[in-house]
Amino acid sequence: MSSTLPLTELIQGCENIYEAIVIIAKRAQQINEEQKRIIEVEIIMDDSIDSYEEEEEIEEVSEVERKIIKLPKPTEMAIQEMLLGNIQWDYGTEKNLEERDN
């Protein structure tokens, strides 16, 4: 569960609170995408197991709840990484942006 954090802790290493929030939000989106891939892999594995079962076993599986995957909340993970100084970012220069667009 989250607790209230002083703003001064969040802005360490940033110019202002808005910059820190954007950085945390972008990192949380990255973490969320990683977690989606993990869940998709688990679903594919479960579906492949189900395809090999017989009809009687399928009925038993449908009665039993599916496995619930509990992952940490992406925002909490991103805030923790920011507080520990594990997030690196840059604004990119025009040269870097041009290379990325090509």
N, C-alpha and C. Protein backbone atom coordinates (compact mmCIF):
# COMPACT_ATOMS: atom_id res chain seq x y z
N MET A 1 0.83 -1.17 0.00
CA MET A 1 0.00 0.00 0.00
C MET A 1 0.89 1.24 0.00
N SER A 2 0.45 2.26 -0.66
CA SER A 2 1.22 3.49 -0.79
C SER A 2 1.07 4.36 0.44
N SER A 3 2.06 5.18 0.64
CA SER A 3 1.99 6.17 1.70
C SER A 3 2.32 7.53 1.10
N THR A 4 2.01 8.57 1.82
CA THR A 4 2.26 9.92 1.34
C THR A 4 3.76 10.20 1.37
N LEU A 5 4.26 10.77 0.29
CA LEU A 5 5.68 11.10 0.19
C LEU A 5 5.85 12.61 0.16
N PRO A 6 6.86 13.11 0.84
CA PRO A 6 7.15 14.54 0.72
C PRO A 6 7.61 14.87 -0.70
N LEU A 7 7.16 15.98 -1.23
CA LEU A 7 7.52 16.37 -2.58
C LEU A 7 9.02 16.56 -2.75
N THR A 8 9.68 16.96 -1.69
CA THR A 8 11.13 17.18 -1.78
C THR A 8 11.87 15.89 -2.10
N GLU A 9 11.34 14.76 -1.64
CA GLU A 9 11.97 13.48 -1.96
C GLU A 9 11.81 13.14 -3.44
N LEU A 10 10.66 13.47 -4.01
CA LEU A 10 10.41 13.15 -5.41
C LEU A 10 11.24 13.99 -6.37
N ILE A 11 11.52 15.22 -6.01
CA ILE A 11 12.19 16.09 -6.96
C ILE A 11 13.72 16.05 -6.86
N GLN A 12 14.24 15.14 -6.05
CA GLN A 12 15.70 15.01 -5.99
C GLN A 12 16.20 14.58 -7.36
N GLY A 13 17.12 15.34 -7.90
CA GLY A 13 17.68 15.03 -9.21
C GLY A 13 16.88 15.60 -10.36
N CYS A 14 15.79 16.30 -10.07
CA CYS A 14 14.97 16.92 -11.12
C CYS A 14 14.95 18.42 -10.89
N GLU A 15 14.57 19.13 -11.93
CA GLU A 15 14.49 20.58 -11.80
C GLU A 15 13.23 21.02 -11.06
N ASN A 16 12.12 20.28 -11.24
CA ASN A 16 10.87 20.65 -10.56
C ASN A 16 9.97 19.42 -10.44
N ILE A 17 8.88 19.59 -9.74
CA ILE A 17 7.97 18.47 -9.48
C ILE A 17 7.30 17.96 -10.75
N TYR A 18 7.04 18.84 -11.70
CA TYR A 18 6.38 18.44 -12.94
C TYR A 18 7.27 17.50 -13.75
N GLU A 19 8.54 17.81 -13.77
CA GLU A 19 9.49 16.95 -14.46
C GLU A 19 9.53 15.56 -13.81
N ALA A 20 9.54 15.54 -12.49
CA ALA A 20 9.57 14.27 -11.76
C ALA A 20 8.31 13.45 -12.06
N ILE A 21 7.17 14.10 -12.10
CA ILE A 21 5.91 13.38 -12.35
C ILE A 21 5.89 12.81 -13.76
N VAL A 22 6.37 13.55 -14.74
CA VAL A 22 6.40 13.05 -16.12
C VAL A 22 7.34 11.86 -16.22
N ILE A 23 8.49 11.95 -15.57
CA ILE A 23 9.45 10.85 -15.60
C ILE A 23 8.86 9.60 -14.96
N ILE A 24 8.22 9.76 -13.82
CA ILE A 24 7.60 8.62 -13.13
C ILE A 24 6.48 8.03 -13.98
N ALA A 25 5.67 8.89 -14.59
CA ALA A 25 4.56 8.40 -15.42
C ALA A 25 5.06 7.61 -16.62
N LYS A 26 6.10 8.11 -17.27
CA LYS A 26 6.64 7.39 -18.43
C LYS A 26 7.25 6.05 -18.02
N ARG A 27 7.92 6.02 -16.89
CA ARG A 27 8.50 4.75 -16.41
C ARG A 27 7.38 3.79 -16.03
N ALA A 28 6.31 4.29 -15.43
CA ALA A 28 5.18 3.43 -15.06
C ALA A 28 4.55 2.82 -16.32
N GLN A 29 4.48 3.58 -17.40
CA GLN A 29 3.96 3.04 -18.66
C GLN A 29 4.85 1.92 -19.18
N GLN A 30 6.17 2.10 -19.08
CA GLN A 30 7.10 1.05 -19.52
C GLN A 30 6.91 -0.22 -18.69
N ILE A 31 6.80 -0.05 -17.38
CA ILE A 31 6.60 -1.20 -16.50
C ILE A 31 5.29 -1.89 -16.82
N ASN A 32 4.25 -1.12 -17.09
CA ASN A 32 2.95 -1.68 -17.43
C ASN A 32 3.03 -2.52 -18.69
N GLU A 33 3.75 -2.04 -19.69
CA GLU A 33 3.92 -2.81 -20.93
C GLU A 33 4.67 -4.11 -20.67
N GLU A 34 5.68 -4.08 -19.82
CA GLU A 34 6.42 -5.29 -19.47
C GLU A 34 5.50 -6.29 -18.78
N GLN A 35 4.66 -5.80 -17.89
CA GLN A 35 3.74 -6.67 -17.17
C GLN A 35 2.69 -7.26 -18.11
N LYS A 36 2.25 -6.50 -19.11
CA LYS A 36 1.29 -7.02 -20.10
C LYS A 36 1.90 -8.20 -20.83
N ARG A 37 3.19 -8.08 -21.21
CA ARG A 37 3.86 -9.18 -21.91
C ARG A 37 3.94 -10.43 -21.02
N ILE A 38 4.21 -10.23 -19.75
CA ILE A 38 4.28 -11.36 -18.82
C ILE A 38 2.92 -12.06 -18.74
N ILE A 39 1.86 -11.28 -18.64
CA ILE A 39 0.51 -11.84 -18.55
C ILE A 39 0.15 -12.58 -19.84
N GLU A 40 0.50 -11.98 -21.00
CA GLU A 40 0.20 -12.64 -22.28
C GLU A 40 0.91 -13.98 -22.38
N VAL A 41 2.15 -14.05 -21.94
CA VAL A 41 2.90 -15.32 -21.97
C VAL A 41 2.20 -16.35 -21.08
N GLU A 42 1.77 -15.93 -19.89
CA GLU A 42 1.08 -16.84 -18.98
C GLU A 42 -0.22 -17.35 -19.59
N ILE A 43 -0.96 -16.47 -20.27
CA ILE A 43 -2.23 -16.87 -20.89
C ILE A 43 -1.97 -17.87 -22.01
N ILE A 44 -0.96 -17.62 -22.82
CA ILE A 44 -0.63 -18.53 -23.91
C ILE A 44 -0.24 -19.90 -23.35
N MET A 45 0.53 -19.91 -22.27
CA MET A 45 0.93 -21.18 -21.67
C MET A 45 -0.29 -21.92 -21.12
N ASP A 46 -1.21 -21.21 -20.48
CA ASP A 46 -2.42 -21.84 -19.95
C ASP A 46 -3.28 -22.39 -21.08
N ASP A 47 -3.41 -21.64 -22.17
CA ASP A 47 -4.21 -22.10 -23.30
C ASP A 47 -3.61 -23.34 -23.95
N SER A 48 -2.29 -23.40 -24.03
CA SER A 48 -1.66 -24.56 -24.64
C SER A 48 -1.85 -25.80 -23.78
N ILE A 49 -1.84 -25.62 -22.48
CA ILE A 49 -2.10 -26.75 -21.57
C ILE A 49 -3.52 -27.22 -21.71
N ASP A 50 -4.47 -26.28 -21.81
CA ASP A 50 -5.88 -26.63 -21.95
C ASP A 50 -6.15 -27.38 -23.24
N SER A 51 -5.43 -27.07 -24.31
CA SER A 51 -5.70 -27.71 -25.59
C SER A 51 -5.34 -29.21 -25.58
N TYR A 52 -4.47 -29.63 -24.67
CA TYR A 52 -4.07 -31.02 -24.60
C TYR A 52 -4.97 -31.86 -23.68
N GLU A 53 -5.81 -31.21 -22.93
CA GLU A 53 -6.65 -31.94 -21.98
C GLU A 53 -7.84 -32.57 -22.68
N GLU A 54 -8.37 -33.62 -22.06
CA GLU A 54 -9.56 -34.26 -22.59
C GLU A 54 -10.79 -33.47 -22.19
N GLU A 55 -11.95 -33.82 -22.78
CA GLU A 55 -13.17 -33.07 -22.53
C GLU A 55 -13.56 -33.08 -21.05
N GLU A 56 -13.41 -34.22 -20.39
CA GLU A 56 -13.77 -34.30 -18.98
C GLU A 56 -12.90 -33.38 -18.14
N GLU A 57 -11.63 -33.35 -18.44
CA GLU A 57 -10.72 -32.50 -17.69
C GLU A 57 -11.00 -31.03 -17.95
N ILE A 58 -11.44 -30.69 -19.17
CA ILE A 58 -11.77 -29.31 -19.50
C ILE A 58 -12.93 -28.84 -18.64
N GLU A 59 -13.91 -29.70 -18.42
CA GLU A 59 -15.04 -29.34 -17.58
C GLU A 59 -14.57 -29.05 -16.15
N GLU A 60 -13.64 -29.87 -15.66
CA GLU A 60 -13.12 -29.64 -14.32
C GLU A 60 -12.35 -28.32 -14.24
N VAL A 61 -11.59 -28.00 -15.26
CA VAL A 61 -10.82 -26.77 -15.27
C VAL A 61 -11.76 -25.57 -15.31
N SER A 62 -12.85 -25.67 -16.06
CA SER A 62 -13.76 -24.53 -16.16
C SER A 62 -14.44 -24.26 -14.82
N GLU A 63 -14.62 -25.29 -13.99
CA GLU A 63 -15.22 -25.10 -12.68
C GLU A 63 -14.24 -24.46 -11.71
N VAL A 64 -12.98 -24.75 -11.87
CA VAL A 64 -11.95 -24.19 -11.01
C VAL A 64 -11.57 -22.82 -11.56
N GLU A 65 -11.33 -21.88 -10.66
CA GLU A 65 -10.95 -20.55 -11.10
C GLU A 65 -9.59 -20.59 -11.80
N ARG A 66 -9.45 -19.69 -12.75
CA ARG A 66 -8.17 -19.56 -13.43
C ARG A 66 -7.14 -18.97 -12.49
N LYS A 67 -5.89 -19.22 -12.80
CA LYS A 67 -4.80 -18.70 -11.98
C LYS A 67 -4.79 -17.17 -12.06
N ILE A 68 -4.71 -16.53 -10.92
CA ILE A 68 -4.67 -15.07 -10.87
C ILE A 68 -3.21 -14.64 -10.74
N ILE A 69 -2.82 -13.76 -11.62
CA ILE A 69 -1.45 -13.27 -11.62
C ILE A 69 -1.44 -11.93 -10.89
N LYS A 70 -0.74 -11.87 -9.77
CA LYS A 70 -0.63 -10.63 -9.01
C LYS A 70 0.74 -10.04 -9.24
N LEU A 71 0.74 -8.86 -9.80
CA LEU A 71 1.98 -8.14 -10.05
C LEU A 71 1.93 -6.81 -9.30
N PRO A 72 3.08 -6.28 -8.94
CA PRO A 72 3.08 -4.98 -8.25
C PRO A 72 2.55 -3.87 -9.16
N LYS A 73 2.03 -2.82 -8.55
CA LYS A 73 1.48 -1.71 -9.32
C LYS A 73 2.62 -0.94 -9.99
N PRO A 74 2.47 -0.67 -11.29
CA PRO A 74 3.53 0.01 -12.04
C PRO A 74 3.90 1.38 -11.47
N THR A 75 2.92 2.15 -11.02
CA THR A 75 3.22 3.48 -10.50
C THR A 75 4.04 3.39 -9.22
N GLU A 76 3.69 2.47 -8.36
CA GLU A 76 4.46 2.30 -7.13
C GLU A 76 5.89 1.88 -7.42
N MET A 77 6.06 1.00 -8.41
CA MET A 77 7.40 0.56 -8.78
C MET A 77 8.21 1.73 -9.34
N ALA A 78 7.57 2.56 -10.18
CA ALA A 78 8.26 3.70 -10.78
C ALA A 78 8.65 4.73 -9.72
N ILE A 79 7.77 4.98 -8.76
CA ILE A 79 8.09 5.92 -7.68
C ILE A 79 9.27 5.39 -6.87
N GLN A 80 9.25 4.10 -6.58
CA GLN A 80 10.34 3.50 -5.81
C GLN A 80 11.66 3.62 -6.55
N GLU A 81 11.63 3.36 -7.87
CA GLU A 81 12.85 3.48 -8.67
C GLU A 81 13.35 4.93 -8.67
N MET A 82 12.43 5.87 -8.73
CA MET A 82 12.81 7.29 -8.73
C MET A 82 13.45 7.67 -7.40
N LEU A 83 12.87 7.20 -6.30
CA LEU A 83 13.41 7.53 -4.99
C LEU A 83 14.80 6.92 -4.78
N LEU A 84 15.02 5.73 -5.36
CA LEU A 84 16.31 5.07 -5.23
C LEU A 84 17.35 5.59 -6.23
N GLY A 85 16.89 6.41 -7.17
CA GLY A 85 17.81 6.96 -8.17
C GLY A 85 18.13 5.99 -9.28
N ASN A 86 17.25 5.02 -9.53
CA ASN A 86 17.50 4.00 -10.54
C ASN A 86 16.96 4.37 -11.92
N ILE A 87 16.34 5.52 -12.07
CA ILE A 87 15.79 5.94 -13.36
C ILE A 87 16.76 6.94 -13.99
N GLN A 88 17.10 6.66 -15.25
CA GLN A 88 17.95 7.59 -16.00
C GLN A 88 17.12 8.13 -17.15
N TRP A 89 17.28 9.42 -17.44
CA TRP A 89 16.53 10.03 -18.52
C TRP A 89 17.36 11.13 -19.15
N ASP A 90 16.98 11.45 -20.38
CA ASP A 90 17.55 12.61 -21.05
C ASP A 90 16.47 13.19 -21.95
N TYR A 91 16.68 14.42 -22.34
CA TYR A 91 15.69 15.08 -23.17
C TYR A 91 15.96 14.88 -24.64
N GLY A 92 17.09 14.35 -24.96
CA GLY A 92 17.45 14.15 -26.35
C GLY A 92 17.81 15.48 -27.00
N THR A 93 18.69 15.43 -27.93
CA THR A 93 19.06 16.62 -28.67
C THR A 93 18.45 16.53 -30.05
N GLU A 94 18.54 17.59 -30.81
CA GLU A 94 17.99 17.56 -32.16
C GLU A 94 18.64 16.47 -32.98
N LYS A 95 19.94 16.25 -32.79
CA LYS A 95 20.66 15.22 -33.54
C LYS A 95 20.10 13.84 -33.19
N ASN A 96 19.89 13.57 -31.90
CA ASN A 96 19.34 12.27 -31.49
C ASN A 96 17.93 12.08 -32.01
N LEU A 97 17.13 13.13 -32.00
CA LEU A 97 15.76 13.03 -32.50
C LEU A 97 15.73 12.77 -34.00
N GLU A 98 16.64 13.41 -34.76
CA GLU A 98 16.71 13.20 -36.20
C GLU A 98 17.12 11.76 -36.51
N GLU A 99 18.10 11.22 -35.77
CA GLU A 99 18.55 9.85 -35.99
C GLU A 99 17.43 8.86 -35.69
N ARG A 100 16.65 9.14 -34.66
CA ARG A 100 15.56 8.24 -34.29
C ARG A 100 14.46 8.26 -35.34
N ASP A 101 14.19 9.43 -35.93
CA ASP A 101 13.13 9.55 -36.94
C ASP A 101 13.50 8.86 -38.25
N ASN A 102 14.80 8.75 -38.54
CA ASN A 102 15.23 8.12 -39.81
C ASN A 102 15.20 6.67 -39.72
